[in-house]
N, C-alpha and C. Protein backbone atom coordinates (compact mmCIF):
# COMPACT_ATOMS: atom_id res chain seq x y z
N MET A 1 101.57 153.20 -1.71
CA MET A 1 102.14 152.32 -0.69
C MET A 1 102.73 150.97 -1.10
N LEU A 2 103.90 150.40 -1.05
CA LEU A 2 104.01 149.04 -0.85
C LEU A 2 104.20 148.13 -0.02
N VAL A 3 103.35 147.30 0.12
CA VAL A 3 103.42 146.52 1.09
C VAL A 3 103.64 145.13 1.08
N ASP A 4 104.29 144.39 2.48
CA ASP A 4 104.56 143.19 1.90
C ASP A 4 104.17 142.66 3.73
N PHE A 5 103.55 141.36 3.08
CA PHE A 5 102.50 140.66 4.31
C PHE A 5 102.55 139.46 4.37
N GLU A 6 101.96 138.83 5.28
CA GLU A 6 101.85 137.04 5.38
C GLU A 6 100.20 136.97 5.58
N VAL A 7 100.03 135.82 4.70
CA VAL A 7 98.59 135.38 4.97
C VAL A 7 98.49 134.09 5.84
N GLY A 8 97.29 133.90 6.43
CA GLY A 8 97.30 132.46 6.69
C GLY A 8 96.75 131.14 5.96
N ASN A 9 97.02 130.34 6.34
CA ASN A 9 96.48 129.30 5.23
C ASN A 9 95.10 128.60 5.20
N LYS A 10 94.30 128.86 6.05
CA LYS A 10 93.00 129.09 6.00
C LYS A 10 92.58 130.06 5.89
N THR A 11 90.59 129.67 5.20
CA THR A 11 90.19 131.01 5.02
C THR A 11 89.36 131.22 5.89
N ILE A 12 88.60 132.25 5.76
CA ILE A 12 87.48 132.81 7.00
C ILE A 12 86.15 133.53 6.52
N LYS A 13 85.18 132.82 6.80
CA LYS A 13 84.06 133.52 5.79
C LYS A 13 83.10 134.93 6.35
N LYS A 14 83.34 135.63 5.48
CA LYS A 14 82.60 137.10 5.55
C LYS A 14 81.20 136.97 4.69
N HIS A 15 80.50 137.75 5.59
CA HIS A 15 79.31 137.78 5.34
C HIS A 15 79.00 139.63 4.69
N GLY A 16 78.32 139.60 3.41
CA GLY A 16 77.81 140.87 3.46
C GLY A 16 76.56 141.00 2.33
N ASP A 17 76.54 141.16 0.97
CA ASP A 17 75.08 140.78 0.28
C ASP A 17 75.50 139.66 -0.12
N THR A 18 76.85 139.16 -0.25
CA THR A 18 76.48 137.57 -0.39
C THR A 18 78.04 137.17 0.35
N THR A 19 77.88 135.73 0.47
CA THR A 19 78.65 135.13 1.24
C THR A 19 79.95 134.78 0.50
N TYR A 20 81.12 134.99 1.39
CA TYR A 20 82.52 134.77 0.51
C TYR A 20 83.13 134.58 1.46
N PHE A 21 84.51 133.69 1.03
CA PHE A 21 85.89 133.48 1.60
C PHE A 21 86.81 134.03 1.22
N VAL A 22 87.77 134.63 2.39
CA VAL A 22 88.70 135.38 2.13
C VAL A 22 90.37 134.51 3.32
N TYR A 23 91.60 134.85 2.38
CA TYR A 23 92.70 134.59 3.31
C TYR A 23 92.92 135.83 4.62
N PRO A 24 92.69 135.66 5.43
CA PRO A 24 92.96 136.61 6.79
C PRO A 24 94.56 137.31 6.29
N VAL A 25 95.15 138.30 6.24
CA VAL A 25 96.24 138.94 6.72
C VAL A 25 96.58 138.44 8.11
N ILE A 26 97.91 138.17 8.15
CA ILE A 26 98.37 137.58 9.59
C ILE A 26 99.41 138.84 9.69
N TYR A 27 100.34 139.24 9.55
CA TYR A 27 101.47 140.24 9.79
C TYR A 27 101.68 141.08 9.09
N PHE A 28 101.75 142.30 9.23
CA PHE A 28 103.03 142.81 8.02
C PHE A 28 104.47 142.84 8.21
N ASN A 29 105.19 142.87 7.18
CA ASN A 29 106.45 142.38 7.28
C ASN A 29 107.46 143.82 6.93
N THR A 30 106.58 144.66 6.08
CA THR A 30 107.17 145.91 5.56
C THR A 30 106.23 146.69 4.83
N ILE A 31 106.30 148.03 5.23
CA ILE A 31 105.38 149.08 4.66
C ILE A 31 106.20 150.25 4.16
N THR A 32 106.16 150.65 3.04
CA THR A 32 107.11 151.55 2.10
C THR A 32 106.27 152.42 1.61
N SER A 33 106.35 154.30 1.77
CA SER A 33 105.94 154.89 0.89
C SER A 33 106.99 154.82 -0.68
N LEU A 34 105.99 154.56 -1.47
CA LEU A 34 106.82 154.80 -2.94
C LEU A 34 107.27 156.77 -3.50
N ASN A 35 106.59 157.34 -3.08
CA ASN A 35 106.50 158.58 -3.54
C ASN A 35 106.19 159.98 -1.98
N PRO A 36 107.17 160.35 -1.80
CA PRO A 36 108.53 159.98 -2.17
C PRO A 36 108.95 158.57 -1.04
N LYS A 37 109.89 158.18 -1.36
CA LYS A 37 110.35 156.72 -1.09
C LYS A 37 110.61 156.79 0.57
N LYS A 38 109.83 156.11 1.26
CA LYS A 38 110.27 156.36 2.47
C LYS A 38 109.88 155.18 3.58
N GLU A 39 110.49 154.13 4.57
CA GLU A 39 110.08 152.69 4.78
C GLU A 39 109.47 153.43 6.04
N ILE A 40 108.43 153.20 6.30
CA ILE A 40 107.16 153.40 7.21
C ILE A 40 107.48 152.28 8.30
N TYR A 41 107.31 151.07 7.94
CA TYR A 41 107.24 150.04 9.05
C TYR A 41 108.28 148.84 8.58
N ASN A 42 109.31 148.12 9.10
CA ASN A 42 109.80 146.96 9.51
C ASN A 42 109.85 146.25 10.59
N LEU A 43 109.11 145.11 10.19
CA LEU A 43 109.11 143.86 11.41
C LEU A 43 110.90 143.96 11.90
N LYS A 44 111.68 143.46 10.50
CA LYS A 44 112.88 142.57 11.47
C LYS A 44 113.50 143.98 12.19
N GLU A 45 113.35 145.17 11.64
CA GLU A 45 114.26 146.53 12.49
C GLU A 45 113.35 146.25 14.09
N LEU A 46 112.05 146.36 13.78
CA LEU A 46 111.21 146.95 15.14
C LEU A 46 111.37 145.53 15.91
N ARG A 47 112.25 144.56 15.49
CA ARG A 47 112.44 143.50 16.36
C ARG A 47 114.07 143.60 17.16
N LYS A 48 114.92 144.15 15.68
CA LYS A 48 116.26 144.34 16.39
C LYS A 48 116.13 145.19 17.22
N ASP A 49 115.59 146.36 17.62
CA ASP A 49 115.49 147.36 18.22
C ASP A 49 114.73 147.13 19.78
N MET A 50 113.58 146.36 19.63
CA MET A 50 113.08 145.49 20.63
C MET A 50 114.63 144.85 21.50
N LYS A 51 115.08 144.20 21.12
CA LYS A 51 116.48 143.38 21.63
C LYS A 51 117.49 144.42 22.15
N GLU A 52 117.74 145.53 21.56
CA GLU A 52 118.89 146.66 21.86
C GLU A 52 118.14 147.17 23.60
N VAL A 53 116.78 147.18 23.30
CA VAL A 53 116.41 148.26 24.14
C VAL A 53 116.33 147.40 25.48
N LEU A 54 116.30 146.25 25.48
CA LEU A 54 115.78 145.12 26.16
C LEU A 54 117.17 145.06 27.36
N THR A 55 118.19 144.46 26.33
CA THR A 55 119.58 144.22 26.98
C THR A 55 120.43 145.32 27.25
N GLN A 56 119.87 145.89 27.05
CA GLN A 56 120.50 147.36 27.62
C GLN A 56 120.81 147.69 29.17
N HIS A 57 119.49 147.02 29.81
CA HIS A 57 119.20 147.30 31.23
C HIS A 57 120.14 146.29 31.86
N GLN A 58 120.57 146.29 33.28
CA GLN A 58 121.17 145.51 33.77
C GLN A 58 120.56 145.03 34.98
N TYR A 59 119.51 145.35 35.55
CA TYR A 59 118.73 144.51 36.37
C TYR A 59 117.31 144.62 35.60
N PHE A 60 116.59 143.92 36.38
CA PHE A 60 114.97 143.27 36.20
C PHE A 60 114.47 142.90 37.51
N LEU A 61 113.08 143.82 37.79
CA LEU A 61 112.12 143.31 38.84
C LEU A 61 111.37 142.83 38.38
N PHE A 62 110.64 141.72 38.38
CA PHE A 62 109.32 140.86 37.83
C PHE A 62 108.49 140.82 38.95
N LEU A 63 107.58 141.79 38.92
CA LEU A 63 106.47 142.10 39.91
C LEU A 63 105.35 141.53 39.25
N ASP A 64 104.37 140.77 40.02
CA ASP A 64 103.08 140.73 40.49
C ASP A 64 102.18 141.15 41.29
N CYS A 65 100.82 141.51 41.22
CA CYS A 65 100.19 141.88 42.45
C CYS A 65 99.07 141.34 42.14
N GLU A 66 98.19 140.97 43.16
CA GLU A 66 96.77 140.17 43.12
C GLU A 66 95.90 141.14 44.20
N MET A 67 94.73 141.65 43.36
CA MET A 67 93.87 142.81 43.68
C MET A 67 92.88 141.87 44.32
N SER A 68 92.12 143.03 45.28
CA SER A 68 90.88 142.49 45.96
C SER A 68 89.54 142.81 44.90
N MET A 69 88.62 142.00 44.78
CA MET A 69 87.67 141.83 43.93
C MET A 69 86.36 142.31 44.68
N PRO A 70 85.55 143.24 43.89
CA PRO A 70 84.41 143.36 44.46
C PRO A 70 83.21 142.42 44.93
N GLY A 71 82.41 142.84 45.92
CA GLY A 71 81.29 141.49 46.49
C GLY A 71 80.41 141.38 45.62
N TYR A 72 79.72 140.06 45.50
CA TYR A 72 78.95 139.93 44.59
C TYR A 72 77.30 140.82 44.13
N LYS A 73 77.59 141.38 45.40
CA LYS A 73 76.37 142.37 45.28
C LYS A 73 77.01 143.87 45.24
N GLN A 74 78.34 144.39 45.37
CA GLN A 74 78.91 145.10 45.99
C GLN A 74 78.49 146.51 43.88
N THR A 75 78.31 147.65 44.44
CA THR A 75 78.53 148.48 43.35
C THR A 75 79.89 149.51 43.42
N LYS A 76 80.03 149.92 44.75
CA LYS A 76 80.95 151.16 44.88
C LYS A 76 82.66 150.15 45.26
N PHE A 77 83.17 150.38 44.90
CA PHE A 77 84.47 149.42 44.89
C PHE A 77 86.08 149.52 44.60
N THR A 78 86.82 150.26 45.29
CA THR A 78 88.31 150.38 44.70
C THR A 78 88.93 149.53 45.34
N PRO A 79 89.69 148.56 44.08
CA PRO A 79 90.40 147.55 44.33
C PRO A 79 91.92 147.88 44.99
N GLU A 80 92.55 147.31 45.62
CA GLU A 80 93.63 147.16 46.30
C GLU A 80 94.37 146.01 46.65
N ILE A 81 95.58 146.19 46.31
CA ILE A 81 96.72 145.20 46.51
C ILE A 81 96.66 144.37 47.63
N ILE A 82 96.40 143.11 47.73
CA ILE A 82 96.31 142.01 48.84
C ILE A 82 97.68 141.16 48.89
N GLN A 83 98.29 141.01 47.55
CA GLN A 83 99.48 140.38 47.50
C GLN A 83 100.21 140.52 46.65
N VAL A 84 101.55 140.50 47.07
CA VAL A 84 102.77 141.16 46.20
C VAL A 84 103.78 140.19 45.76
N GLY A 85 104.17 139.59 45.00
CA GLY A 85 105.67 138.97 44.83
C GLY A 85 106.64 139.72 43.44
N PHE A 86 107.64 139.84 43.85
CA PHE A 86 108.84 140.37 42.84
C PHE A 86 110.30 139.13 43.09
N ILE A 87 110.79 139.21 42.12
CA ILE A 87 111.76 138.65 41.84
C ILE A 87 113.12 139.92 40.99
N LEU A 88 114.22 139.95 41.89
CA LEU A 88 115.44 140.82 41.22
C LEU A 88 116.49 139.91 40.79
N SER A 89 116.45 140.21 39.29
CA SER A 89 117.87 139.47 38.75
C SER A 89 118.47 140.46 37.87
N ASP A 90 119.49 139.87 37.30
CA ASP A 90 120.49 140.76 36.60
C ASP A 90 119.76 140.08 34.91
N ILE A 91 120.74 141.08 34.05
CA ILE A 91 120.16 140.57 32.50
C ILE A 91 120.39 138.85 32.52
N ASN A 92 121.56 138.59 33.29
CA ASN A 92 122.18 136.84 33.27
C ASN A 92 121.45 136.06 34.07
N GLY A 93 120.05 136.55 34.57
CA GLY A 93 118.88 135.60 35.19
C GLY A 93 119.69 135.42 36.48
N LYS A 94 120.76 136.11 37.20
CA LYS A 94 121.51 135.64 38.53
C LYS A 94 120.12 136.40 39.34
N VAL A 95 119.31 136.13 40.47
CA VAL A 95 118.59 136.39 41.35
C VAL A 95 119.22 136.95 42.64
N TYR A 96 118.71 138.80 43.06
CA TYR A 96 119.41 138.82 43.92
C TYR A 96 118.39 138.77 45.22
N GLU A 97 117.09 139.01 45.04
CA GLU A 97 116.12 139.19 45.94
C GLU A 97 114.64 137.99 45.50
N ASP A 98 113.93 137.96 46.37
CA ASP A 98 113.40 136.75 45.93
C ASP A 98 111.78 137.01 47.16
N MET A 99 110.62 137.78 47.28
CA MET A 99 109.91 138.10 48.25
C MET A 99 108.33 137.92 47.84
N GLY A 100 107.57 137.56 48.62
CA GLY A 100 106.13 137.21 48.19
C GLY A 100 105.36 137.50 49.75
N TYR A 101 104.70 138.10 49.76
CA TYR A 101 103.86 138.08 50.82
C TYR A 101 102.67 138.91 50.64
N TYR A 102 101.23 138.50 51.61
CA TYR A 102 100.21 139.29 51.75
C TYR A 102 100.32 140.59 52.20
N VAL A 103 99.43 141.64 51.68
CA VAL A 103 99.43 142.90 52.25
C VAL A 103 98.22 143.53 52.77
N LEU A 104 97.89 143.97 53.89
CA LEU A 104 96.53 144.47 54.31
C LEU A 104 96.06 145.88 53.95
N PRO A 105 94.83 145.40 53.08
CA PRO A 105 94.11 146.51 52.75
C PRO A 105 93.49 147.51 53.76
N ASN A 106 93.35 148.72 52.97
CA ASN A 106 92.84 149.71 54.17
C ASN A 106 91.62 149.53 54.40
N ASN A 107 90.89 148.79 53.49
CA ASN A 107 89.36 148.26 53.73
C ASN A 107 89.32 146.88 54.36
N GLU A 108 88.85 146.67 55.20
CA GLU A 108 88.76 144.90 55.50
C GLU A 108 87.68 143.93 55.21
N GLU A 109 86.80 144.94 54.32
CA GLU A 109 86.02 144.27 53.38
C GLU A 109 86.35 143.66 52.66
N ALA A 110 87.48 144.52 52.07
CA ALA A 110 88.07 143.89 50.71
C ALA A 110 88.30 142.38 50.65
N ILE A 111 88.46 141.85 51.48
CA ILE A 111 88.52 140.50 51.71
C ILE A 111 86.91 140.02 51.89
N ASN A 112 86.39 139.86 50.77
CA ASN A 112 84.95 139.28 50.91
C ASN A 112 84.67 137.88 50.16
N LYS A 113 83.71 137.63 49.76
CA LYS A 113 83.79 135.91 49.80
C LYS A 113 83.93 135.85 48.40
N ARG A 114 84.03 136.69 47.31
CA ARG A 114 84.37 136.48 45.75
C ARG A 114 85.87 136.40 45.81
N THR A 115 86.48 137.40 46.59
CA THR A 115 88.04 137.52 46.72
C THR A 115 88.69 135.84 47.20
N ILE A 116 88.10 135.90 48.28
CA ILE A 116 88.64 134.77 48.83
C ILE A 116 88.48 133.38 48.07
N LYS A 117 87.47 133.11 47.60
CA LYS A 117 87.13 132.13 46.41
C LYS A 117 88.04 132.30 45.50
N PHE A 118 88.21 133.47 44.44
CA PHE A 118 89.20 133.81 43.38
C PHE A 118 90.40 133.63 43.80
N LEU A 119 90.79 133.94 45.09
CA LEU A 119 92.44 133.85 45.42
C LEU A 119 93.01 132.25 45.96
N ASN A 120 91.69 131.65 46.30
CA ASN A 120 91.83 130.84 47.11
C ASN A 120 92.19 130.98 48.44
N LEU A 121 91.99 131.91 49.47
CA LEU A 121 92.23 131.97 50.28
C LEU A 121 92.01 131.93 51.74
N ASP A 122 92.79 131.69 52.99
CA ASP A 122 92.33 131.29 54.17
C ASP A 122 92.84 132.34 55.37
N GLU A 123 91.40 132.93 55.47
CA GLU A 123 91.26 134.18 56.24
C GLU A 123 92.01 134.28 57.45
N ILE A 124 92.14 133.17 58.24
CA ILE A 124 93.15 133.29 59.24
C ILE A 124 94.50 133.54 59.16
N GLU A 125 94.86 132.64 58.02
CA GLU A 125 96.40 132.86 57.58
C GLU A 125 96.61 133.95 57.01
N PHE A 126 95.53 134.92 55.97
CA PHE A 126 96.04 135.90 55.59
C PHE A 126 96.08 137.35 56.34
N PHE A 127 95.21 137.08 57.54
CA PHE A 127 95.26 138.74 58.91
C PHE A 127 96.62 137.97 59.80
N GLY A 128 96.67 136.87 59.91
CA GLY A 128 97.59 136.65 60.59
C GLY A 128 99.33 136.99 60.10
N LYS A 129 99.26 137.06 58.24
CA LYS A 129 100.42 137.15 58.39
C LYS A 129 100.59 138.19 57.12
N ALA A 130 99.57 138.84 56.94
CA ALA A 130 99.82 140.39 55.99
C ALA A 130 100.35 141.56 56.54
N LYS A 131 101.17 141.98 55.88
CA LYS A 131 102.04 142.80 56.11
C LYS A 131 101.24 144.61 55.91
N PRO A 132 101.20 145.41 56.39
CA PRO A 132 101.21 146.71 55.92
C PRO A 132 101.42 147.32 54.94
N TYR A 133 101.00 148.16 54.00
CA TYR A 133 101.27 148.54 52.87
C TYR A 133 102.39 149.11 52.64
N HIS A 134 102.92 150.02 54.02
CA HIS A 134 104.01 150.66 53.65
C HIS A 134 105.53 149.78 53.61
N VAL A 135 105.45 148.76 54.23
CA VAL A 135 106.43 147.83 53.83
C VAL A 135 106.76 147.20 52.51
N PHE A 136 105.64 147.16 52.04
CA PHE A 136 105.62 146.79 50.28
C PHE A 136 106.35 147.94 49.87
N TYR A 137 105.72 149.03 49.87
CA TYR A 137 106.28 150.39 49.63
C TYR A 137 107.91 150.31 49.85
N HIS A 138 107.94 150.20 51.07
CA HIS A 138 109.19 150.74 51.34
C HIS A 138 110.48 149.64 50.74
N ASP A 139 109.88 148.29 50.69
CA ASP A 139 110.68 147.18 49.87
C ASP A 139 110.73 147.58 48.34
N LEU A 140 109.50 148.33 47.92
CA LEU A 140 109.92 148.58 46.47
C LEU A 140 111.12 149.90 46.17
N LYS A 141 110.56 150.44 46.76
CA LYS A 141 111.74 151.94 47.00
C LYS A 141 112.89 151.54 47.04
N LYS A 142 113.63 150.90 47.96
CA LYS A 142 114.69 150.07 48.17
C LYS A 142 115.15 149.74 46.97
N LEU A 143 114.42 148.96 46.07
CA LEU A 143 115.09 148.40 45.20
C LEU A 143 115.13 149.25 44.30
N MET A 144 114.13 149.95 44.18
CA MET A 144 114.24 151.34 42.74
C MET A 144 115.50 151.96 43.62
N GLU A 145 115.84 152.27 44.52
CA GLU A 145 116.89 153.29 44.72
C GLU A 145 118.38 152.50 44.13
N LYS A 146 118.43 151.39 44.77
CA LYS A 146 119.62 150.38 44.77
C LYS A 146 119.93 150.02 43.41
N TYR A 147 118.97 149.70 42.64
CA TYR A 147 119.09 148.78 41.13
C TYR A 147 118.71 149.30 40.31
N GLN A 148 117.81 150.43 40.33
CA GLN A 148 117.43 151.14 38.99
C GLN A 148 116.82 150.43 38.17
N PRO A 149 116.05 149.62 38.71
CA PRO A 149 115.58 148.01 37.58
C PRO A 149 114.30 148.52 36.98
N LYS A 150 114.35 147.78 35.83
CA LYS A 150 113.27 148.21 34.85
C LYS A 150 112.11 146.91 35.67
N ILE A 151 111.06 147.27 35.54
CA ILE A 151 109.99 146.86 35.98
C ILE A 151 109.36 146.15 35.55
N VAL A 152 109.37 144.49 35.32
CA VAL A 152 108.44 143.31 34.20
C VAL A 152 107.31 143.11 34.98
N VAL A 153 105.89 143.48 33.81
CA VAL A 153 104.87 142.77 34.63
C VAL A 153 104.41 142.30 33.19
N TRP A 154 103.47 141.24 33.08
CA TRP A 154 102.53 140.83 32.51
C TRP A 154 100.87 141.53 31.98
N GLY A 155 100.86 142.54 31.41
CA GLY A 155 99.82 143.44 31.13
C GLY A 155 99.60 144.42 31.86
N LYS A 156 98.62 145.68 31.84
CA LYS A 156 98.71 146.68 32.13
C LYS A 156 98.24 146.44 33.60
N ASN A 157 97.29 145.52 34.35
CA ASN A 157 96.95 145.45 35.24
C ASN A 157 97.88 145.64 36.68
N ASP A 158 98.56 145.47 36.63
CA ASP A 158 100.15 145.52 37.77
C ASP A 158 100.36 146.72 37.59
N ILE A 159 100.63 147.48 36.77
CA ILE A 159 101.07 149.01 36.39
C ILE A 159 99.76 149.68 37.08
N GLN A 160 98.62 149.52 37.00
CA GLN A 160 97.55 150.04 37.65
C GLN A 160 97.19 150.02 39.26
N ALA A 161 97.81 148.78 39.21
CA ALA A 161 97.63 148.40 41.01
C ALA A 161 98.48 149.17 41.61
N ILE A 162 99.80 149.58 40.95
CA ILE A 162 100.58 150.07 41.77
C ILE A 162 100.29 151.82 41.46
N ASN A 163 100.13 152.44 40.95
CA ASN A 163 99.69 153.58 40.80
C ASN A 163 98.53 153.69 41.30
N LEU A 164 97.58 152.95 41.69
CA LEU A 164 96.44 153.17 42.51
C LEU A 164 96.43 153.26 43.67
N GLY A 165 98.02 152.06 44.23
CA GLY A 165 98.02 151.95 45.79
C GLY A 165 98.63 153.37 45.88
N TYR A 166 99.60 153.86 45.54
CA TYR A 166 100.10 154.91 46.02
C TYR A 166 98.94 156.23 46.06
N VAL A 167 98.12 155.89 45.53
CA VAL A 167 96.93 157.15 45.43
C VAL A 167 96.04 156.80 46.81
N ILE A 168 95.35 155.58 47.02
CA ILE A 168 94.97 154.95 48.44
C ILE A 168 95.54 154.89 49.36
N ASN A 169 96.87 154.91 49.30
CA ASN A 169 97.80 154.67 51.06
C ASN A 169 98.47 156.20 50.82
N ASP A 170 97.87 157.48 49.87
CA ASP A 170 98.34 158.58 50.22
C ASP A 170 99.98 158.38 50.55
N MET A 171 100.75 158.11 49.20
CA MET A 171 102.44 157.61 49.16
C MET A 171 102.93 158.36 47.98
N GLN A 172 104.13 158.87 48.20
CA GLN A 172 104.70 159.48 46.93
C GLN A 172 104.89 158.50 45.89
N PRO A 173 104.79 158.47 44.69
CA PRO A 173 105.44 157.37 43.62
C PRO A 173 106.67 157.41 43.90
N VAL A 174 107.27 156.08 43.69
CA VAL A 174 108.45 155.64 43.78
C VAL A 174 108.69 155.29 42.21
N THR A 175 107.82 155.14 41.75
CA THR A 175 107.85 154.54 40.06
C THR A 175 107.38 155.61 39.18
N GLU A 176 107.85 155.57 37.66
CA GLU A 176 107.25 156.37 36.62
C GLU A 176 107.06 155.37 35.55
N GLU A 177 106.46 155.99 34.78
CA GLU A 177 105.44 154.97 33.65
C GLU A 177 106.85 154.51 32.61
N LYS A 178 108.40 155.15 32.35
CA LYS A 178 108.92 154.23 31.95
C LYS A 178 109.59 153.53 32.59
N ASP A 179 109.39 153.19 33.83
CA ASP A 179 110.44 152.07 34.75
C ASP A 179 109.56 150.73 34.27
N PHE A 180 108.57 150.69 33.27
CA PHE A 180 107.61 149.32 33.58
C PHE A 180 108.06 148.83 31.90
N ILE A 181 108.10 147.45 32.33
CA ILE A 181 107.95 146.82 31.00
C ILE A 181 106.60 145.84 30.73
N ASP A 182 106.34 146.10 29.77
CA ASP A 182 104.69 145.00 29.88
C ASP A 182 105.31 144.36 28.72
N LEU A 183 105.52 142.86 29.25
CA LEU A 183 105.99 141.68 28.19
C LEU A 183 104.97 141.40 27.96
N LEU A 184 103.78 141.23 28.49
CA LEU A 184 103.01 140.97 27.32
C LEU A 184 102.62 141.31 26.39
N LYS A 185 103.03 142.79 25.83
CA LYS A 185 102.65 143.80 24.87
C LYS A 185 103.98 143.67 23.73
N LEU A 186 105.23 143.50 24.51
CA LEU A 186 106.58 142.89 23.80
C LEU A 186 106.04 141.75 23.03
N HIS A 187 105.32 140.67 23.65
CA HIS A 187 104.70 139.42 23.03
C HIS A 187 104.01 139.91 21.82
N LYS A 188 103.22 140.47 22.20
CA LYS A 188 102.35 140.80 21.12
C LYS A 188 102.84 142.10 19.37
N ASP A 189 104.02 142.56 19.93
CA ASP A 189 104.44 143.40 19.03
C ASP A 189 105.47 142.36 18.06
N TYR A 190 106.41 141.82 19.31
CA TYR A 190 107.57 140.93 18.34
C TYR A 190 106.61 139.56 17.67
N PHE A 191 105.63 139.25 18.02
CA PHE A 191 105.18 138.20 17.22
C PHE A 191 104.18 138.35 16.37
N ASN A 192 103.53 139.58 16.33
CA ASN A 192 102.60 140.13 15.65
C ASN A 192 101.14 139.81 16.07
N LEU A 193 100.90 139.07 17.60
CA LEU A 193 99.74 138.50 17.63
C LEU A 193 98.44 139.48 17.66
N GLN A 194 97.28 139.21 17.51
CA GLN A 194 96.20 139.86 17.50
C GLN A 194 95.53 140.57 18.56
N ASN A 195 95.46 138.91 19.13
CA ASN A 195 95.14 138.69 20.35
C ASN A 195 95.83 138.55 21.70
N ASP A 196 95.04 139.18 22.97
CA ASP A 196 96.40 138.72 24.27
C ASP A 196 96.68 137.30 24.55
N ILE A 197 97.50 137.09 24.79
CA ILE A 197 98.00 135.43 25.30
C ILE A 197 97.83 135.47 26.87
N LYS A 198 97.73 134.65 27.50
CA LYS A 198 98.00 134.37 29.09
C LYS A 198 99.31 134.20 29.69
N LEU A 199 99.51 134.64 30.62
CA LEU A 199 101.20 134.27 30.83
C LEU A 199 101.09 133.12 30.86
N PHE A 200 100.37 132.00 31.44
CA PHE A 200 100.94 130.64 31.63
C PHE A 200 100.61 129.90 30.08
N ASP A 201 100.25 130.31 29.13
CA ASP A 201 99.80 129.99 28.01
C ASP A 201 101.29 129.99 27.23
N ALA A 202 101.82 131.07 27.92
CA ALA A 202 102.96 131.85 27.00
C ALA A 202 104.13 131.01 27.69
N TYR A 203 104.30 130.59 28.71
CA TYR A 203 105.12 129.77 29.70
C TYR A 203 105.08 128.02 29.39
N LYS A 204 103.92 127.83 28.85
CA LYS A 204 103.38 126.45 27.92
C LYS A 204 104.33 126.22 26.67
N LYS A 205 103.95 127.37 26.27
CA LYS A 205 104.76 127.38 25.10
C LYS A 205 106.39 127.42 24.53
N TYR A 206 106.89 128.13 25.47
CA TYR A 206 108.02 128.17 25.32
C TYR A 206 108.92 127.19 26.22
N TYR A 207 108.28 126.71 27.07
CA TYR A 207 108.74 125.63 27.73
C TYR A 207 108.24 123.92 27.92
N ASP A 208 107.49 124.04 26.87
CA ASP A 208 106.20 122.68 26.44
C ASP A 208 106.16 121.88 27.52
N ALA A 209 105.29 122.62 28.25
CA ALA A 209 104.64 122.27 29.86
C ALA A 209 103.64 121.60 29.31
N ASP A 210 103.01 120.88 30.55
CA ASP A 210 101.86 119.95 30.47
C ASP A 210 100.50 121.20 30.37
N ASP A 211 99.50 120.61 29.01
CA ASP A 211 98.31 121.69 29.47
C ASP A 211 97.54 121.31 30.57
N SER A 212 98.31 120.26 31.86
CA SER A 212 97.73 120.38 33.34
C SER A 212 97.94 121.52 34.28
N LEU A 213 99.14 122.59 33.71
CA LEU A 213 99.25 123.46 34.33
C LEU A 213 98.66 124.43 34.13
N VAL A 214 98.02 124.79 35.53
CA VAL A 214 96.55 125.79 35.65
C VAL A 214 97.74 127.12 36.43
N GLN A 215 97.21 127.96 35.81
CA GLN A 215 97.52 129.35 37.05
C GLN A 215 96.66 129.77 38.27
N VAL A 216 97.56 129.45 39.23
CA VAL A 216 96.65 129.48 40.76
C VAL A 216 96.30 130.63 41.21
N HIS A 217 96.99 131.93 40.72
CA HIS A 217 96.88 133.21 41.08
C HIS A 217 97.54 133.40 42.50
N ASN A 218 98.81 132.92 42.49
CA ASN A 218 99.25 133.35 43.56
C ASN A 218 100.86 134.42 43.32
N ALA A 219 100.84 135.42 43.80
CA ALA A 219 101.74 136.54 43.33
C ALA A 219 103.24 135.90 42.88
N ARG A 220 103.90 135.55 44.17
CA ARG A 220 105.25 135.12 43.88
C ARG A 220 105.20 134.22 42.82
N THR A 221 104.43 133.15 43.03
CA THR A 221 104.77 132.28 41.61
C THR A 221 104.32 133.05 40.35
N ASP A 222 103.72 134.04 39.92
CA ASP A 222 103.60 134.05 39.15
C ASP A 222 104.38 135.26 38.71
N ALA A 223 105.36 135.91 39.55
CA ALA A 223 106.26 136.51 39.45
C ALA A 223 107.44 135.84 38.96
N ILE A 224 107.59 134.12 39.32
CA ILE A 224 108.59 133.17 39.08
C ILE A 224 108.63 133.25 37.40
N ILE A 225 107.15 132.97 37.30
CA ILE A 225 106.67 132.23 35.77
C ILE A 225 107.18 133.77 34.90
N THR A 226 106.99 135.09 35.48
CA THR A 226 107.03 136.02 34.40
C THR A 226 108.61 136.26 33.87
N LYS A 227 109.51 135.49 34.97
CA LYS A 227 111.05 135.85 34.87
C LYS A 227 111.57 134.77 34.12
N ASP A 228 110.70 133.55 34.00
CA ASP A 228 110.87 132.30 33.23
C ASP A 228 110.38 132.71 31.61
N VAL A 229 109.23 133.34 31.51
CA VAL A 229 108.95 133.77 30.23
C VAL A 229 109.67 134.66 29.83
N PHE A 230 109.94 135.84 30.48
CA PHE A 230 111.20 136.89 30.02
C PHE A 230 112.42 136.35 29.60
N ASP A 231 113.16 135.61 30.38
CA ASP A 231 114.39 134.59 30.05
C ASP A 231 114.34 133.83 28.50
N ALA A 232 113.05 133.25 28.55
CA ALA A 232 112.74 132.39 27.06
C ALA A 232 112.49 133.36 25.85
N PHE A 233 111.92 134.28 26.49
CA PHE A 233 112.08 135.67 25.22
C PHE A 233 113.20 136.38 25.05
N ILE A 234 113.83 136.72 25.85
CA ILE A 234 115.29 137.13 25.65
C ILE A 234 116.11 136.02 24.72
N GLN A 235 115.72 134.51 25.13
CA GLN A 235 116.66 133.25 24.28
C GLN A 235 116.41 133.64 22.89
N GLN A 236 114.83 133.76 22.15
CA GLN A 236 114.37 133.88 21.48
C GLN A 236 114.33 134.95 20.16
N MET A 237 114.84 135.95 21.08
CA MET A 237 115.28 137.07 20.29
C MET A 237 116.70 136.99 19.68
């Protein structure tokens, strides 16, 4: 194998029979088999392919879900979607739909003290404004049928939330695995990141935002931020 890689400029300490210092490998550029000669990995080509795949789609649905959390002493628990936010736009950034609302869980005990504290919920407002799950289901179904968008999420949690929602509410899925784009994974692959990064940290990096900007765990706000990060990522590519 012939390997071309980048190393960091700072050493890290390793411990074995003796203590020693090494320069860590940051990422690989190319990996080539020499006998027979065959390119196995090429970062530039991977980035080119990612760009072609993303830009071939016309519509994107930026989706975020907030889930209920187990109570402080709860052992058996099934998380449910209790807030959604989604922005539909085309590849040029034009917005066609912009929605966000609370979703009523099947189990009212899902709105417990831990969930209320984490999402900063007002119980009276929540139960006064929350819509039944089937409203979200039909909104999502309508958008998927009309636009056939790629659903852009940050991480796998939202994909799992959508799939679990179908099961909990005994509804036929209106999405498939291929419909989703995990923007976090794209960032890790494109920039060769070893660790996950938070959505708002990515936003701060792209837009040079103030460090005082913090995530408030509001689904519509997170959907908007996801779109902003996606737009910047496309521009970066």
